[in-house]
Amino acid sequence: MLPANKVRFKSFLGKLKPLVTAAVTPESVVRAILETWMVQFNPLLPFQSIAHKSLLSAPAVVEFSNWLQNESDILEGCFWLSSAFAVLLGKDLQKANAMYFTPPYLSSRML
């Protein structure tokens, strides 16, 4: 993970995890974050709503989306969002699907 943002990211995860319930999947939470982020990123971009409407206004979703918009470029934002999805799925599914991601700064250096 990006060292400078790791602590902040973990605080967001603490707020996002309670949103995942039997009725709300990790995918639903991430879709809500993505939708909120993309609307902020480019309000003119046509985007068909795929998220639970109640999640779009959840403080944890809005706060994480704002952080993605303000603190990172699109590649770093995708890294953080995919990492959040993997964590929200749980360690077993993360491990079974090899959901580990290389930070953009490291990928760029390798290229």
Protein backbone atom coordinates (compact mmCIF):
# COMPACT_ATOMS: atom_id res chain seq x y z
CA MET A 1 0.00 0.00 0.00
CA LEU A 2 1.02 3.58 -0.41
CA PRO A 3 2.68 4.38 2.92
CA ALA A 4 1.50 7.99 3.12
CA ASN A 5 -2.17 7.03 2.81
CA LYS A 6 -2.22 3.65 4.55
CA VAL A 7 -3.40 4.98 7.93
CA ARG A 8 -6.13 7.09 6.33
CA PHE A 9 -7.26 4.13 4.21
CA LYS A 10 -7.55 1.90 7.27
CA SER A 11 -9.71 4.49 9.02
CA PHE A 12 -12.06 4.51 6.02
CA LEU A 13 -12.26 0.72 6.11
CA GLY A 14 -13.35 0.89 9.74
CA LYS A 15 -16.27 3.07 8.65
CA LEU A 16 -17.13 1.04 5.54
CA LYS A 17 -17.13 -2.45 7.10
CA PRO A 18 -20.33 -1.88 9.13
CA LEU A 19 -22.18 -1.10 5.88
CA VAL A 20 -21.71 -4.71 4.75
CA THR A 21 -24.60 -6.80 6.03
CA ALA A 22 -26.61 -9.79 4.89
CA ALA A 23 -28.62 -7.45 2.65
CA VAL A 24 -25.73 -5.24 1.49
CA THR A 25 -22.78 -6.92 -0.20
CA PRO A 26 -19.22 -5.59 -0.49
CA GLU A 27 -19.92 -5.19 -4.19
CA SER A 28 -22.86 -2.88 -3.42
CA VAL A 29 -20.73 -0.71 -1.17
CA VAL A 30 -17.96 -0.44 -3.77
CA ARG A 31 -20.47 0.35 -6.52
CA ALA A 32 -21.84 3.20 -4.42
CA ILE A 33 -18.33 4.55 -3.83
CA LEU A 34 -17.51 4.24 -7.53
CA GLU A 35 -20.69 5.98 -8.60
CA THR A 36 -20.21 8.83 -6.14
CA TRP A 37 -16.56 9.19 -7.14
CA MET A 38 -17.24 9.16 -10.88
CA VAL A 39 -19.99 11.77 -10.57
CA GLN A 40 -17.50 13.98 -8.69
CA PHE A 41 -14.70 13.21 -11.15
CA ASN A 42 -16.72 14.12 -14.23
CA PRO A 43 -20.31 15.29 -13.65
CA LEU A 44 -20.99 15.31 -17.41
CA LEU A 45 -20.06 11.65 -17.84
CA PRO A 46 -23.21 9.60 -18.43
CA PHE A 47 -23.38 7.09 -15.63
CA GLN A 48 -26.21 4.63 -15.11
CA SER A 49 -26.90 4.22 -11.42
CA ILE A 50 -26.06 0.71 -10.25
CA ALA A 51 -25.80 1.33 -6.52
CA HIS A 52 -28.28 1.06 -3.69
CA LYS A 53 -29.76 4.54 -3.36
CA SER A 54 -29.42 4.45 0.44
CA LEU A 55 -25.69 3.78 0.15
CA LEU A 56 -25.07 6.79 -2.09
CA SER A 57 -25.73 9.14 0.81
CA ALA A 58 -24.05 7.04 3.52
CA PRO A 59 -21.44 9.25 5.24
CA ALA A 60 -18.72 6.58 4.95
CA VAL A 61 -19.32 6.24 1.19
CA VAL A 62 -19.34 10.00 0.60
CA GLU A 63 -16.24 10.54 2.74
CA PHE A 64 -14.26 7.78 0.98
CA SER A 65 -15.36 9.08 -2.45
CA ASN A 66 -14.30 12.61 -1.51
CA TRP A 67 -10.92 11.28 -0.42
CA LEU A 68 -10.47 9.45 -3.73
CA GLN A 69 -11.37 12.60 -5.62
CA ASN A 70 -9.17 14.97 -3.61
CA GLU A 71 -6.17 12.87 -2.67
CA SER A 72 -5.38 10.69 -5.63
CA ASP A 73 -5.22 10.48 -9.37
CA ILE A 74 -7.38 7.96 -11.21
CA LEU A 75 -4.84 5.10 -11.00
CA GLU A 76 -4.24 5.54 -7.28
CA GLY A 77 -7.97 5.86 -6.73
CA CYS A 78 -8.59 2.57 -8.56
CA PHE A 79 -5.89 0.95 -6.44
CA TRP A 80 -7.55 2.14 -3.21
CA LEU A 81 -11.04 1.19 -4.38
CA SER A 82 -10.00 -2.31 -5.46
CA SER A 83 -8.07 -2.76 -2.23
CA ALA A 84 -11.15 -1.73 -0.25
CA PHE A 85 -13.24 -4.26 -2.16
CA ALA A 86 -10.77 -7.03 -1.39
CA VAL A 87 -10.75 -6.16 2.32
CA LEU A 88 -14.54 -5.93 2.48
CA LEU A 89 -14.83 -9.40 0.93
CA GLY A 90 -12.79 -10.90 3.77
CA LYS A 91 -9.46 -12.64 4.02
CA ASP A 92 -10.65 -16.03 2.79
CA LEU A 93 -12.15 -14.74 -0.48
CA GLN A 94 -9.28 -12.31 -0.93
CA LYS A 95 -6.77 -15.15 -0.62
CA ALA A 96 -8.79 -17.62 -2.72
CA ASN A 97 -9.03 -15.10 -5.57
CA ALA A 98 -5.49 -13.73 -5.17
CA MET A 99 -6.86 -10.22 -4.74
CA TYR A 100 -3.62 -8.40 -3.99
CA PHE A 101 -2.76 -5.26 -5.90
CA THR A 102 0.50 -3.54 -6.75
CA PRO A 103 0.55 0.17 -5.88
CA PRO A 104 0.67 2.42 -8.95
CA TYR A 105 3.96 4.05 -7.95
CA LEU A 106 5.63 0.62 -7.85
CA SER A 107 4.06 -0.51 -11.13
CA SER A 108 5.26 2.67 -12.82
CA ARG A 109 8.79 2.15 -11.57
CA MET A 110 8.80 -1.43 -12.80
CA LEU A 111 7.68 -0.36 -16.27
